[in-house]
Amino acid sequence: MARQAWVTRTVVGIIVATLFSDVGHEMVTAVLPLYLGTLGLGTAALGLMEGAADLAFSLSKLAGGAVGHRVAKKRPWATAGYALTTLGTGLIATTQLLAAMISFRTAAWFGRGFRSPLRDFLLADEVGPTHFGRAYGLERTADMIGAVIGPLVAAGLVALGASFRTVILVSVVPSLVSVIAIGAFTRDRVGVPAPAPAEAKAPLPRAFWLFTAGVLLFGLGDFSRTFLIVIAALALGGDSQGLVSAIVLLYAGHNLVSAFAAYPAGKLGDATSKTRVLIAGYALGVVTNLVFAFGHASLPLVIVAIALSGIYIAIEETLEKAVVAELLPRAQRSLGLGILASANALGDFASTLFVGLMLEAGHVTAAFAAPAAVGAAGVAWMLVIRARAIVR
């Protein structure tokens, strides 16, 4: 097949960087709890580490968008974010001190968040409005494929006798590939007139803020996909030898479904209405949470819901960015993407905290019914602003 004109060297560089960065990240995530256990550190230490990392991740997305708003060249800053993630992750394996590991993990996640709006700006800048959906869909596909490959590589290394510390050190290799890909293959567009000072300093449009409010509202019911592991364990029950393998396969299946759904969702958004496709994805998310709420004891229903989760997550992560890139002029796009990412992170954090507390208390139905209700409010919000032609 002839290469389509929009799949440029920069697009390929971003896709490769996303794929290999997520391979390295997921390798570490797969073994980090076990590595802490070998050092005599339990779930409290893991919670402290991941909580600090999540906070840094949320704040750094806004920081990345703000920096991108003020600098003409985004590529060096995005490359620095990838490099910081690689360095911080590798250093975790060099110490046994909890404070040092928390610092390194936090630095790595700060780099992950900081680079996101800068990378998303470069991608939108390269392909243009007609291909926003497809470009972000392809990037999400690469991310999800990396989320499948990373844990499998980690499991394979452990099966071959590698220590958890060795797995963390080896994760630096794919992470370095991502740094090279983003630094050597992407570009900042040249010959583009600089925005007028008034354009750069103008307030973000009302439509953007109303859309972001809807994203935040839906995000308050959009908990971490890590809880899929908990749901799968509840449905499978027992403590058979194959339980862990079955759970891993279900989680990997979720990521594979998401990988296959992202590009078609983006392509459909480009061809029709990005907001309409996004609303359909949000509605699918509500249905998914209702199935989890009332069908969590049924393995077939849980499998269906996990597949639906993969589809709606792909639609959400692809089309939200595509809509914002379309809503904003180029001079405001980096800042807007950073604000969007921060709103998502804030909503996810609140929802994840709520679901975790409900599951800990044994209220499984309430844990997922409440996110479904909040998500439905997000769908209603988006329908209203689209009906009023605030977004298309």
Foldseek 3Di string as FASTA:
>chain_A
DDDDPLCALQLVLLLLLLQLQLLLVLLLVLCVQVVLVVLVHHPVLVCVLVVLQLVLLLVLLLVLLVVPLVDQWLLVLLLVLLVQLLVLLLCLLVDSDSVSNSVSSNSNSSSVNNNVLSSLLLQCVRRDLLQLQLSLLSSLLSNLNSNLNNNVVSVVCVVVPDDSSVSSNVSSVSSVSSSCSSNPRTGRDPPDDDDDPCQSPPDADPLLVLLLVLLLLLLLLVADCVCLLVLLCLQVDDDDPCSVVVSSVLLSLLSNLLSVQQNVLSNVCSVDPLLVSLLVLLLLVLVLLQLQLPVSNHNVSSSVSSSSNSNSVSSNSSSVLSQLSVRGDSSNSSSSSSSSSSSSSVSRVNLNVQLVVCVVVVNRNVNRNVSSVSSVVSSVSSVVCVVVVSGD
